[in-house]
Amino acid sequence: MNGQKKDVDLLLVDTGDLHDGTGLVDGYPPGGVDAHDANKFFSQLPYDLLAIGNHELYIYNNTLDMHLNFAPKFNGRYLSSNANITLPNKHGKLVSVPVGDRYAKFKTRKGRKVTSLGVLFDFTAFAKNTTVQKVEDMVKEHWVGDSAILDAFTA
């Protein structure tokens, strides 16, 4: 079904776990990065929003690949509101940064305002140098209030 033909907004959303279980990414060459090749296919799809899943956090190299090679292709629409990766900054100091973007705000073709977060449940089996912040702590962060995210959900 084509949303334009029906004159409706039709959004393509992925809710995470691209690295395992889709059938497209359960195998990869020895020494390769899980889902790297499949992500090339996924990055060609016209996603409106994507969110990180816990499967992207089990192995640090998978998370790093998502951060460096996958998330940037979606121009702020790959969301990891409470999932971070630890990397050296330009001065060599280790810093914890979002794997993707914290949130996205945009208007649909029909003019509807969308505010979206990519929140992961309180997952604790993440790889070393990745973290998942508890949701109750995330909502207290300055970026939540500064960006008027809560207004979008309470208005």
N, C-alpha and C. Protein backbone atom coordinates (compact mmCIF):
# COMPACT_ATOMS: atom_id res chain seq x y z
N MET A 1 0.85 -1.19 0.00
CA MET A 1 0.00 0.00 0.00
C MET A 1 0.89 1.24 0.00
N ASN A 2 0.57 2.18 -0.82
CA ASN A 2 1.32 3.41 -0.93
C ASN A 2 0.57 4.52 -0.19
N GLY A 3 1.24 5.13 0.82
CA GLY A 3 0.61 6.17 1.61
C GLY A 3 0.24 7.39 0.80
N GLN A 4 1.02 7.71 -0.22
CA GLN A 4 0.71 8.88 -1.04
C GLN A 4 -0.56 8.66 -1.86
N LYS A 5 -0.73 7.45 -2.37
CA LYS A 5 -1.95 7.17 -3.14
C LYS A 5 -3.19 7.30 -2.26
N LYS A 6 -3.08 6.90 -1.02
CA LYS A 6 -4.21 6.97 -0.08
C LYS A 6 -4.28 8.33 0.61
N ASP A 7 -3.29 9.20 0.36
CA ASP A 7 -3.18 10.52 0.98
C ASP A 7 -3.17 10.42 2.51
N VAL A 8 -2.32 9.50 3.01
CA VAL A 8 -2.13 9.34 4.45
C VAL A 8 -0.63 9.33 4.74
N ASP A 9 -0.29 9.56 5.99
CA ASP A 9 1.09 9.41 6.41
C ASP A 9 1.34 7.93 6.70
N LEU A 10 2.35 7.40 6.11
CA LEU A 10 2.75 6.01 6.34
C LEU A 10 4.22 6.04 6.71
N LEU A 11 4.52 5.70 7.96
CA LEU A 11 5.90 5.75 8.46
C LEU A 11 6.49 4.35 8.51
N LEU A 12 7.75 4.24 8.11
CA LEU A 12 8.49 3.00 8.23
C LEU A 12 9.38 3.11 9.45
N VAL A 13 9.13 2.25 10.45
CA VAL A 13 9.81 2.31 11.74
C VAL A 13 10.43 0.95 12.04
N ASP A 14 11.65 0.94 12.53
CA ASP A 14 12.29 -0.29 12.99
C ASP A 14 12.54 -0.14 14.48
N THR A 15 12.16 -1.16 15.24
CA THR A 15 12.25 -1.08 16.70
C THR A 15 13.45 -1.82 17.27
N GLY A 16 14.45 -2.04 16.48
CA GLY A 16 15.71 -2.58 16.99
C GLY A 16 15.90 -4.06 16.75
N ASP A 17 17.04 -4.56 17.25
CA ASP A 17 17.46 -5.95 17.12
C ASP A 17 17.73 -6.34 15.67
N LEU A 18 18.37 -5.45 14.94
CA LEU A 18 18.77 -5.78 13.57
C LEU A 18 19.86 -6.83 13.54
N HIS A 19 20.61 -6.98 14.63
CA HIS A 19 21.76 -7.88 14.64
C HIS A 19 21.42 -9.35 14.80
N ASP A 20 20.29 -9.69 15.31
CA ASP A 20 19.97 -11.10 15.51
C ASP A 20 18.48 -11.31 15.26
N GLY A 21 18.17 -12.44 14.69
CA GLY A 21 16.78 -12.85 14.64
C GLY A 21 15.99 -12.42 13.43
N THR A 22 16.53 -11.61 12.54
CA THR A 22 15.75 -11.20 11.38
C THR A 22 15.83 -12.22 10.26
N GLY A 23 16.75 -13.14 10.35
CA GLY A 23 16.95 -14.09 9.26
C GLY A 23 17.93 -13.57 8.23
N LEU A 24 18.12 -12.28 8.19
CA LEU A 24 19.06 -11.68 7.24
C LEU A 24 20.45 -11.52 7.83
N VAL A 25 20.55 -11.57 9.14
CA VAL A 25 21.81 -11.22 9.78
C VAL A 25 22.34 -12.30 10.72
N ASP A 26 21.82 -13.49 10.66
CA ASP A 26 22.26 -14.52 11.59
C ASP A 26 23.57 -15.18 11.17
N GLY A 27 24.15 -14.81 10.06
CA GLY A 27 25.43 -15.35 9.64
C GLY A 27 26.28 -14.26 9.03
N TYR A 28 27.58 -14.38 9.22
CA TYR A 28 28.51 -13.42 8.65
C TYR A 28 29.87 -14.08 8.52
N PRO A 29 30.74 -13.56 7.67
CA PRO A 29 32.03 -14.20 7.43
C PRO A 29 32.91 -14.22 8.68
N PRO A 30 33.75 -15.24 8.83
CA PRO A 30 34.68 -15.27 9.97
C PRO A 30 35.51 -13.99 10.01
N GLY A 31 35.60 -13.42 11.19
CA GLY A 31 36.35 -12.18 11.37
C GLY A 31 35.55 -10.94 11.03
N GLY A 32 34.34 -11.13 10.51
CA GLY A 32 33.49 -10.00 10.16
C GLY A 32 32.74 -9.46 11.36
N VAL A 33 31.97 -8.43 11.13
CA VAL A 33 31.13 -7.83 12.16
C VAL A 33 29.69 -8.24 11.90
N ASP A 34 29.05 -8.79 12.92
CA ASP A 34 27.67 -9.25 12.81
C ASP A 34 26.80 -8.13 12.24
N ALA A 35 26.11 -8.44 11.16
CA ALA A 35 25.12 -7.57 10.51
C ALA A 35 25.72 -6.42 9.70
N HIS A 36 27.02 -6.29 9.62
CA HIS A 36 27.60 -5.18 8.85
C HIS A 36 27.11 -5.20 7.40
N ASP A 37 27.16 -6.36 6.78
CA ASP A 37 26.72 -6.45 5.38
C ASP A 37 25.22 -6.25 5.26
N ALA A 38 24.45 -6.85 6.17
CA ALA A 38 22.99 -6.67 6.13
C ALA A 38 22.62 -5.22 6.37
N ASN A 39 23.39 -4.51 7.19
CA ASN A 39 23.10 -3.10 7.45
C ASN A 39 23.21 -2.27 6.18
N LYS A 40 24.03 -2.70 5.23
CA LYS A 40 24.11 -2.00 3.95
C LYS A 40 22.76 -2.05 3.24
N PHE A 41 22.11 -3.21 3.35
CA PHE A 41 20.76 -3.35 2.78
C PHE A 41 19.77 -2.49 3.56
N PHE A 42 19.76 -2.61 4.89
CA PHE A 42 18.82 -1.85 5.71
C PHE A 42 18.98 -0.35 5.50
N SER A 43 20.21 0.11 5.29
CA SER A 43 20.44 1.55 5.13
C SER A 43 19.88 2.09 3.81
N GLN A 44 19.50 1.22 2.90
CA GLN A 44 18.89 1.66 1.64
C GLN A 44 17.37 1.81 1.75
N LEU A 45 16.80 1.32 2.84
CA LEU A 45 15.35 1.43 3.02
C LEU A 45 14.98 2.82 3.51
N PRO A 46 13.83 3.32 3.13
CA PRO A 46 13.45 4.70 3.48
C PRO A 46 12.84 4.81 4.89
N TYR A 47 13.61 4.39 5.88
CA TYR A 47 13.11 4.45 7.25
C TYR A 47 12.84 5.89 7.67
N ASP A 48 11.75 6.06 8.41
CA ASP A 48 11.46 7.34 9.05
C ASP A 48 12.10 7.40 10.43
N LEU A 49 12.13 6.26 11.10
CA LEU A 49 12.72 6.16 12.44
C LEU A 49 13.25 4.75 12.65
N LEU A 50 14.34 4.67 13.41
CA LEU A 50 14.87 3.38 13.85
C LEU A 50 15.29 3.55 15.31
N ALA A 51 15.20 2.48 16.07
CA ALA A 51 15.65 2.51 17.46
C ALA A 51 16.62 1.36 17.69
N ILE A 52 17.53 1.57 18.60
CA ILE A 52 18.47 0.53 18.96
C ILE A 52 17.74 -0.57 19.73
N GLY A 53 18.23 -1.78 19.59
CA GLY A 53 17.71 -2.91 20.36
C GLY A 53 18.81 -3.48 21.22
N ASN A 54 18.45 -4.33 22.15
CA ASN A 54 19.47 -4.90 23.03
C ASN A 54 20.47 -5.77 22.26
N HIS A 55 20.07 -6.37 21.15
CA HIS A 55 20.99 -7.23 20.39
C HIS A 55 22.14 -6.45 19.79
N GLU A 56 21.98 -5.15 19.62
CA GLU A 56 23.07 -4.33 19.11
C GLU A 56 24.11 -4.01 20.19
N LEU A 57 23.87 -4.45 21.42
CA LEU A 57 24.75 -4.10 22.53
C LEU A 57 25.49 -5.28 23.15
N TYR A 58 25.30 -6.47 22.66
CA TYR A 58 25.96 -7.64 23.25
C TYR A 58 27.46 -7.67 22.98
N ILE A 59 27.87 -7.18 21.80
CA ILE A 59 29.27 -7.22 21.38
C ILE A 59 29.70 -5.80 21.02
N TYR A 60 30.78 -5.33 21.65
CA TYR A 60 31.22 -3.95 21.46
C TYR A 60 31.43 -3.61 19.98
N ASN A 61 32.07 -4.48 19.22
CA ASN A 61 32.32 -4.18 17.80
C ASN A 61 31.04 -4.01 17.01
N ASN A 62 29.98 -4.70 17.38
CA ASN A 62 28.69 -4.50 16.72
C ASN A 62 28.15 -3.11 17.03
N THR A 63 28.25 -2.72 18.29
CA THR A 63 27.78 -1.40 18.71
C THR A 63 28.59 -0.31 18.02
N LEU A 64 29.90 -0.50 17.97
CA LEU A 64 30.77 0.47 17.31
C LEU A 64 30.42 0.60 15.83
N ASP A 65 30.15 -0.52 15.18
CA ASP A 65 29.76 -0.49 13.77
C ASP A 65 28.45 0.27 13.59
N MET A 66 27.51 0.06 14.48
CA MET A 66 26.24 0.79 14.41
C MET A 66 26.49 2.29 14.56
N HIS A 67 27.34 2.65 15.52
CA HIS A 67 27.63 4.07 15.79
C HIS A 67 28.37 4.74 14.63
N LEU A 68 29.38 4.07 14.10
CA LEU A 68 30.22 4.70 13.07
C LEU A 68 29.65 4.58 11.66
N ASN A 69 29.04 3.46 11.34
CA ASN A 69 28.68 3.18 9.95
C ASN A 69 27.19 3.14 9.64
N PHE A 70 26.38 2.89 10.64
CA PHE A 70 24.95 2.73 10.38
C PHE A 70 24.15 3.96 10.78
N ALA A 71 24.25 4.36 12.02
CA ALA A 71 23.47 5.50 12.52
C ALA A 71 23.65 6.77 11.68
N PRO A 72 24.87 7.12 11.26
CA PRO A 72 25.03 8.35 10.48
C PRO A 72 24.25 8.38 9.17
N LYS A 73 23.94 7.23 8.62
CA LYS A 73 23.21 7.19 7.34
C LYS A 73 21.76 7.65 7.48
N PHE A 74 21.28 7.74 8.71
CA PHE A 74 19.86 8.08 8.92
C PHE A 74 19.64 9.50 9.41
N ASN A 75 20.67 10.31 9.37
CA ASN A 75 20.54 11.76 9.62
C ASN A 75 19.69 12.10 10.83
N GLY A 76 20.03 11.51 11.97
CA GLY A 76 19.33 11.84 13.21
C GLY A 76 18.09 11.01 13.48
N ARG A 77 17.82 10.02 12.66
CA ARG A 77 16.61 9.21 12.83
C ARG A 77 16.90 7.82 13.41
N TYR A 78 18.18 7.50 13.69
CA TYR A 78 18.51 6.26 14.41
C TYR A 78 18.65 6.65 15.87
N LEU A 79 17.75 6.16 16.70
CA LEU A 79 17.61 6.66 18.06
C LEU A 79 18.14 5.68 19.11
N SER A 80 18.87 6.23 20.04
CA SER A 80 19.35 5.48 21.21
C SER A 80 19.31 6.43 22.40
N SER A 81 18.13 6.68 22.88
CA SER A 81 17.91 7.68 23.93
C SER A 81 18.66 7.37 25.21
N ASN A 82 18.76 6.09 25.55
CA ASN A 82 19.42 5.73 26.81
C ASN A 82 20.50 4.67 26.63
N ALA A 83 21.01 4.52 25.41
CA ALA A 83 22.09 3.55 25.14
C ALA A 83 23.31 4.29 24.63
N ASN A 84 24.43 4.08 25.30
CA ASN A 84 25.67 4.78 24.97
C ASN A 84 26.80 3.82 24.65
N ILE A 85 27.80 4.37 23.98
CA ILE A 85 29.05 3.66 23.71
C ILE A 85 30.18 4.55 24.22
N THR A 86 31.23 3.93 24.74
CA THR A 86 32.38 4.67 25.24
C THR A 86 33.47 4.66 24.18
N LEU A 87 33.94 5.86 23.84
CA LEU A 87 34.94 6.06 22.79
C LEU A 87 35.95 7.11 23.24
N PRO A 88 37.14 7.10 22.68
CA PRO A 88 38.06 8.20 22.96
C PRO A 88 37.64 9.45 22.18
N ASN A 89 37.68 10.61 22.83
CA ASN A 89 37.38 11.85 22.12
C ASN A 89 38.64 12.31 21.38
N LYS A 90 38.59 13.50 20.80
CA LYS A 90 39.73 13.97 19.99
C LYS A 90 40.99 14.20 20.83
N HIS A 91 40.84 14.24 22.17
CA HIS A 91 41.99 14.43 23.06
C HIS A 91 42.43 13.10 23.68
N GLY A 92 41.80 12.00 23.28
CA GLY A 92 42.15 10.69 23.79
C GLY A 92 41.46 10.30 25.08
N LYS A 93 40.64 11.18 25.61
CA LYS A 93 39.91 10.89 26.85
C LYS A 93 38.67 10.05 26.52
N LEU A 94 38.40 9.03 27.31
CA LEU A 94 37.22 8.20 27.09
C LEU A 94 35.96 8.95 27.49
N VAL A 95 34.98 8.95 26.59
CA VAL A 95 33.70 9.60 26.86
C VAL A 95 32.57 8.67 26.43
N SER A 96 31.48 8.77 27.14
CA SER A 96 30.29 7.98 26.83
C SER A 96 29.36 8.85 25.99
N VAL A 97 29.02 8.36 24.79
CA VAL A 97 28.18 9.12 23.86
C VAL A 97 27.04 8.23 23.38
N PRO A 98 25.95 8.83 22.93
CA PRO A 98 24.86 8.01 22.38
C PRO A 98 25.32 7.22 21.15
N VAL A 99 24.80 6.01 21.01
CA VAL A 99 25.11 5.21 19.83
C VAL A 99 24.54 5.89 18.59
N GLY A 100 23.32 6.40 18.71
CA GLY A 100 22.68 7.16 17.64
C GLY A 100 22.33 8.54 18.18
N ASP A 101 21.15 9.01 17.87
CA ASP A 101 20.68 10.28 18.41
C ASP A 101 19.74 10.02 19.57
N ARG A 102 19.61 10.98 20.47
CA ARG A 102 18.75 10.83 21.65
C ARG A 102 17.27 10.85 21.28
N TYR A 103 16.90 11.71 20.34
CA TYR A 103 15.49 11.86 19.97
C TYR A 103 15.42 12.44 18.57
N ALA A 104 14.23 12.40 18.01
CA ALA A 104 14.00 13.01 16.70
C ALA A 104 12.68 13.76 16.74
N LYS A 105 12.66 14.92 16.11
CA LYS A 105 11.45 15.71 15.95
C LYS A 105 11.35 16.08 14.47
N PHE A 106 10.18 15.84 13.90
CA PHE A 106 10.00 16.17 12.49
C PHE A 106 8.51 16.27 12.18
N LYS A 107 8.22 16.75 10.99
CA LYS A 107 6.85 16.79 10.50
C LYS A 107 6.70 15.78 9.38
N THR A 108 5.57 15.13 9.37
CA THR A 108 5.29 14.17 8.30
C THR A 108 4.90 14.92 7.03
N ARG A 109 4.76 14.18 5.97
CA ARG A 109 4.34 14.75 4.69
C ARG A 109 3.02 15.49 4.83
N LYS A 110 2.13 15.00 5.70
CA LYS A 110 0.82 15.61 5.92
C LYS A 110 0.86 16.71 6.99
N GLY A 111 2.04 17.02 7.51
CA GLY A 111 2.18 18.11 8.46
C GLY A 111 2.01 17.74 9.92
N ARG A 112 1.92 16.47 10.22
CA ARG A 112 1.79 16.06 11.62
C ARG A 112 3.15 16.14 12.31
N LYS A 113 3.16 16.66 13.53
CA LYS A 113 4.39 16.75 14.30
C LYS A 113 4.67 15.42 14.98
N VAL A 114 5.90 14.96 14.86
CA VAL A 114 6.32 13.70 15.48
C VAL A 114 7.51 13.99 16.38
N THR A 115 7.43 13.51 17.60
CA THR A 115 8.56 13.51 18.53
C THR A 115 8.75 12.07 18.96
N SER A 116 9.96 11.57 18.80
CA SER A 116 10.20 10.16 19.09
C SER A 116 11.47 9.97 19.89
N LEU A 117 11.43 9.00 20.78
CA LEU A 117 12.59 8.56 21.54
C LEU A 117 12.88 7.12 21.16
N GLY A 118 14.11 6.70 21.37
CA GLY A 118 14.50 5.30 21.16
C GLY A 118 14.96 4.73 22.48
N VAL A 119 14.01 4.38 23.33
CA VAL A 119 14.30 3.97 24.70
C VAL A 119 14.37 2.45 24.79
N LEU A 120 15.44 1.97 25.37
CA LEU A 120 15.63 0.55 25.60
C LEU A 120 15.25 0.23 27.04
N PHE A 121 14.68 -0.94 27.25
CA PHE A 121 14.31 -1.37 28.61
C PHE A 121 15.56 -1.43 29.49
N ASP A 122 15.40 -1.67 30.75
CA ASP A 122 16.53 -1.69 31.70
C ASP A 122 17.40 -2.93 31.47
N PHE A 123 18.07 -2.93 30.35
CA PHE A 123 18.92 -4.03 29.91
C PHE A 123 20.26 -3.96 30.61
N THR A 124 20.75 -5.08 31.11
CA THR A 124 22.02 -5.08 31.86
C THR A 124 23.09 -6.00 31.29
N ALA A 125 22.79 -6.75 30.24
CA ALA A 125 23.75 -7.71 29.69
C ALA A 125 24.55 -7.10 28.53
N PHE A 126 24.78 -5.80 28.56
CA PHE A 126 25.50 -5.11 27.49
C PHE A 126 27.01 -5.36 27.60
N ALA A 127 27.70 -5.17 26.49
CA ALA A 127 29.14 -5.37 26.42
C ALA A 127 29.89 -4.30 27.20
N LYS A 128 31.12 -4.61 27.54
CA LYS A 128 32.00 -3.63 28.18
C LYS A 128 32.11 -2.42 27.26
N ASN A 129 32.11 -1.24 27.84
CA ASN A 129 32.19 0.04 27.12
C ASN A 129 30.92 0.39 26.36
N THR A 130 29.82 -0.24 26.72
CA THR A 130 28.49 0.19 26.31
C THR A 130 27.66 0.27 27.58
N THR A 131 26.65 1.11 27.58
CA THR A 131 25.80 1.25 28.77
C THR A 131 24.36 1.50 28.34
N VAL A 132 23.46 1.13 29.24
CA VAL A 132 22.05 1.45 29.09
C VAL A 132 21.62 2.12 30.39
N GLN A 133 21.19 3.36 30.26
CA GLN A 133 20.75 4.13 31.42
C GLN A 133 19.30 3.76 31.75
N LYS A 134 19.02 3.62 33.04
CA LYS A 134 17.65 3.32 33.45
C LYS A 134 16.74 4.44 33.00
N VAL A 135 15.54 4.08 32.59
CA VAL A 135 14.60 5.05 32.05
C VAL A 135 14.28 6.13 33.08
N GLU A 136 14.10 5.72 34.34
CA GLU A 136 13.78 6.72 35.37
C GLU A 136 14.90 7.73 35.58
N ASP A 137 16.13 7.35 35.26
CA ASP A 137 17.25 8.30 35.32
C ASP A 137 17.34 9.12 34.04
N MET A 138 17.04 8.50 32.91
CA MET A 138 17.10 9.20 31.63
C MET A 138 16.16 10.41 31.60
N VAL A 139 14.96 10.25 32.12
CA VAL A 139 13.99 11.35 32.05
C VAL A 139 14.40 12.55 32.90
N LYS A 140 15.39 12.39 33.75
CA LYS A 140 15.90 13.50 34.57
C LYS A 140 17.05 14.24 33.89
N GLU A 141 17.50 13.75 32.75
CA GLU A 141 18.63 14.36 32.04
C GLU A 141 18.25 15.73 31.49
N HIS A 142 19.22 16.62 31.40
CA HIS A 142 18.97 17.99 30.92
C HIS A 142 18.43 18.00 29.50
N TRP A 143 18.90 17.10 28.64
CA TRP A 143 18.48 17.13 27.25
C TRP A 143 16.99 16.83 27.10
N VAL A 144 16.42 16.12 28.04
CA VAL A 144 14.99 15.83 27.97
C VAL A 144 14.19 17.11 28.18
N GLY A 145 14.53 17.86 29.19
CA GLY A 145 13.84 19.12 29.47
C GLY A 145 14.20 20.22 28.50
N ASP A 146 15.49 20.31 28.14
CA ASP A 146 15.95 21.36 27.25
C ASP A 146 15.35 21.27 25.85
N SER A 147 15.02 20.09 25.43
CA SER A 147 14.53 19.91 24.07
C SER A 147 13.02 19.92 23.98
N ALA A 148 12.35 20.16 25.09
CA ALA A 148 10.88 20.21 25.14
C ALA A 148 10.25 18.88 24.72
N ILE A 149 10.96 17.79 24.95
CA ILE A 149 10.42 16.48 24.62
C ILE A 149 9.19 16.16 25.46
N LEU A 150 9.30 16.42 26.75
CA LEU A 150 8.18 16.09 27.62
C LEU A 150 6.93 16.88 27.24
N ASP A 151 7.11 18.10 26.75
CA ASP A 151 5.95 18.90 26.31
C ASP A 151 5.18 18.19 25.21
N ALA A 152 5.89 17.54 24.32
CA ALA A 152 5.24 16.84 23.21
C ALA A 152 4.36 15.69 23.71
N PHE A 153 4.74 15.10 24.83
CA PHE A 153 3.99 13.96 25.36
C PHE A 153 2.92 14.37 26.37
N THR A 154 3.01 15.60 26.86
CA THR A 154 2.01 16.04 27.86
C THR A 154 1.06 17.08 27.32
N ALA A 155 1.29 17.55 26.10
CA ALA A 155 0.44 18.60 25.52
C ALA A 155 -0.91 18.04 25.08
